[in-house]
Protein backbone atom coordinates (compact mmCIF):
# COMPACT_ATOMS: atom_id res chain seq x y z
CA UNK A 1 0.00 0.00 0.00
CA UNK A 2 1.18 3.60 -0.63
CA UNK A 3 2.69 5.54 2.28
CA UNK A 4 0.14 7.28 4.46
CA UNK A 5 -0.01 11.05 3.93
CA UNK A 6 0.19 13.30 7.04
CA UNK A 7 -2.83 15.25 8.20
CA UNK A 8 -2.45 18.95 7.41
CA UNK A 9 -4.00 21.83 9.39
CA UNK A 10 -4.97 25.25 8.00
CA UNK A 11 -6.57 28.56 8.92
CA UNK A 12 -9.65 29.42 6.88
CA UNK A 13 -12.09 32.25 6.38
CA UNK A 14 -15.01 33.17 4.20
CA UNK A 15 -17.37 36.02 3.52
CA UNK A 16 -20.72 36.13 1.77
CA UNK A 17 -23.22 38.82 0.84
CA UNK A 18 -26.69 38.36 -0.66
CA UNK A 19 -27.77 41.39 -2.67
CA UNK A 20 -31.25 40.26 -3.75
CA UNK A 21 -33.83 37.55 -3.23
CA UNK A 22 -35.67 36.59 -0.05
CA UNK A 23 -32.51 37.15 2.05
CA UNK A 24 -31.26 40.29 0.29
CA UNK A 25 -28.83 42.36 2.44
CA UNK A 26 -27.71 39.26 4.41
CA UNK A 27 -23.97 39.24 5.12
CA UNK A 28 -21.62 36.92 6.96
CA UNK A 29 -17.92 36.79 7.77
CA UNK A 30 -16.33 33.69 9.32
CA UNK A 31 -12.88 32.52 10.45
CA UNK A 32 -11.82 29.08 11.63
CA UNK A 33 -9.56 26.09 11.38
CA UNK A 34 -9.57 23.04 9.17
CA UNK A 35 -7.82 19.79 8.50
CA UNK A 36 -7.02 17.97 5.28
CA UNK A 37 -6.10 14.35 4.65
CA UNK A 38 -4.80 13.14 1.26
CA UNK A 39 -5.21 9.71 -0.31
CA UNK A 40 -2.61 9.07 -2.97
CA UNK A 41 -1.63 11.97 -5.19
CA UNK A 42 -5.09 13.14 -6.26
CA UNK A 43 -7.90 12.65 -3.71
CA UNK A 44 -8.28 14.49 -0.40
CA UNK A 45 -10.89 15.11 2.31
CA UNK A 46 -11.34 18.21 4.46
CA UNK A 47 -13.20 19.25 7.59
CA UNK A 48 -13.62 22.83 8.86
CA UNK A 49 -15.08 24.59 11.90
CA UNK A 50 -15.74 28.33 11.63
CA UNK A 51 -17.26 31.07 13.79
CA UNK A 52 -18.17 34.65 12.99
CA UNK A 53 -20.86 37.26 12.51
CA UNK A 54 -23.97 37.20 10.34
CA UNK A 55 -27.06 39.31 9.99
CA UNK A 56 -29.53 41.11 7.79
CA UNK A 57 -31.93 39.82 5.21
CA UNK A 58 -34.63 39.29 7.83
CA UNK A 59 -32.94 36.12 9.12
CA UNK A 60 -33.18 35.26 12.84
CA UNK A 61 -29.48 35.25 13.73
CA UNK A 62 -30.07 36.45 17.31
CA UNK A 63 -27.11 38.62 18.35
CA UNK A 64 -25.35 37.77 15.07
CA UNK A 65 -22.90 35.12 16.35
CA UNK A 66 -22.95 32.05 14.08
CA UNK A 67 -21.00 28.82 13.66
CA UNK A 68 -20.48 26.62 10.62
CA UNK A 69 -19.06 23.14 10.09
CA UNK A 70 -18.16 21.74 6.65
CA UNK A 71 -16.82 18.50 5.22
CA UNK A 72 -15.51 18.16 1.70
CA UNK A 73 -14.06 15.80 -0.87
CA UNK A 74 -11.62 17.06 -3.48
CA UNK A 75 -9.57 15.98 -6.47
CA UNK A 76 -6.24 17.58 -7.44
CA UNK A 77 -5.98 18.54 -11.10
CA UNK A 78 -2.39 19.78 -10.61
CA UNK A 79 -0.07 20.67 -7.71
CA UNK A 80 -1.98 23.91 -7.05
CA UNK A 81 -5.41 23.48 -8.69
CA UNK A 82 -8.23 21.27 -7.38
CA UNK A 83 -11.99 20.81 -7.59
CA UNK A 84 -13.89 20.24 -4.34
CA UNK A 85 -17.45 19.58 -3.22
CA UNK A 86 -18.51 20.51 0.32
CA UNK A 87 -21.51 20.06 2.58
CA UNK A 88 -22.17 21.51 6.00
CA UNK A 89 -24.46 23.37 8.34
CA UNK A 90 -24.55 26.89 9.74
CA UNK A 91 -26.46 27.94 12.86
CA UNK A 92 -26.92 30.98 15.08
CA UNK A 93 -25.75 30.53 18.67
CA UNK A 94 -28.77 32.60 19.80
CA UNK A 95 -31.68 32.68 17.40
CA UNK A 96 -33.56 30.27 15.18
CA UNK A 97 -31.33 30.59 12.10
CA UNK A 98 -30.24 27.20 10.69
CA UNK A 99 -29.08 26.51 7.14
CA UNK A 100 -27.66 23.64 5.12
CA UNK A 101 -24.57 24.62 3.13
CA UNK A 102 -23.55 23.02 -0.17
CA UNK A 103 -20.62 24.09 -2.30
CA UNK A 104 -18.72 23.21 -5.44
CA UNK A 105 -15.47 25.03 -5.96
CA UNK A 106 -12.33 25.43 -7.97
CA UNK A 107 -9.49 25.69 -5.42
CA UNK A 108 -6.12 27.36 -5.92
CA UNK A 109 -3.57 26.27 -3.27
CA UNK A 110 -1.53 29.23 -2.02
CA UNK A 111 0.87 27.11 0.07
CA UNK A 112 3.41 27.51 -2.73
CA UNK A 113 4.29 30.74 -0.91
CA UNK A 114 4.91 28.86 2.36
CA UNK A 115 8.20 27.31 1.24
CA UNK A 116 9.33 23.67 1.26
């Protein structure tokens, strides 16, 4: 069997703004930590936990403090470029806001700037 790849840790963040629709004027900004585990040279899985502020759009976010967890599966197209699908959930710590989160992304790995 191929050698087992080490688990990697990273700092993550995301921001989102809805400008129209039923949640128009909703905004969120999150920061957190994540982990990634590779299988072979191409496949990898990720998990993230984030916390931050959200509000607007008529959504019941309470005082605005929210948390989000995500899991994802990705495939490396090259050393720095990948495609990844994610699923997760976001919830207000105080308030009734709960949402399922789905994503499909093209990922550019910036760790090339981190050195060897």
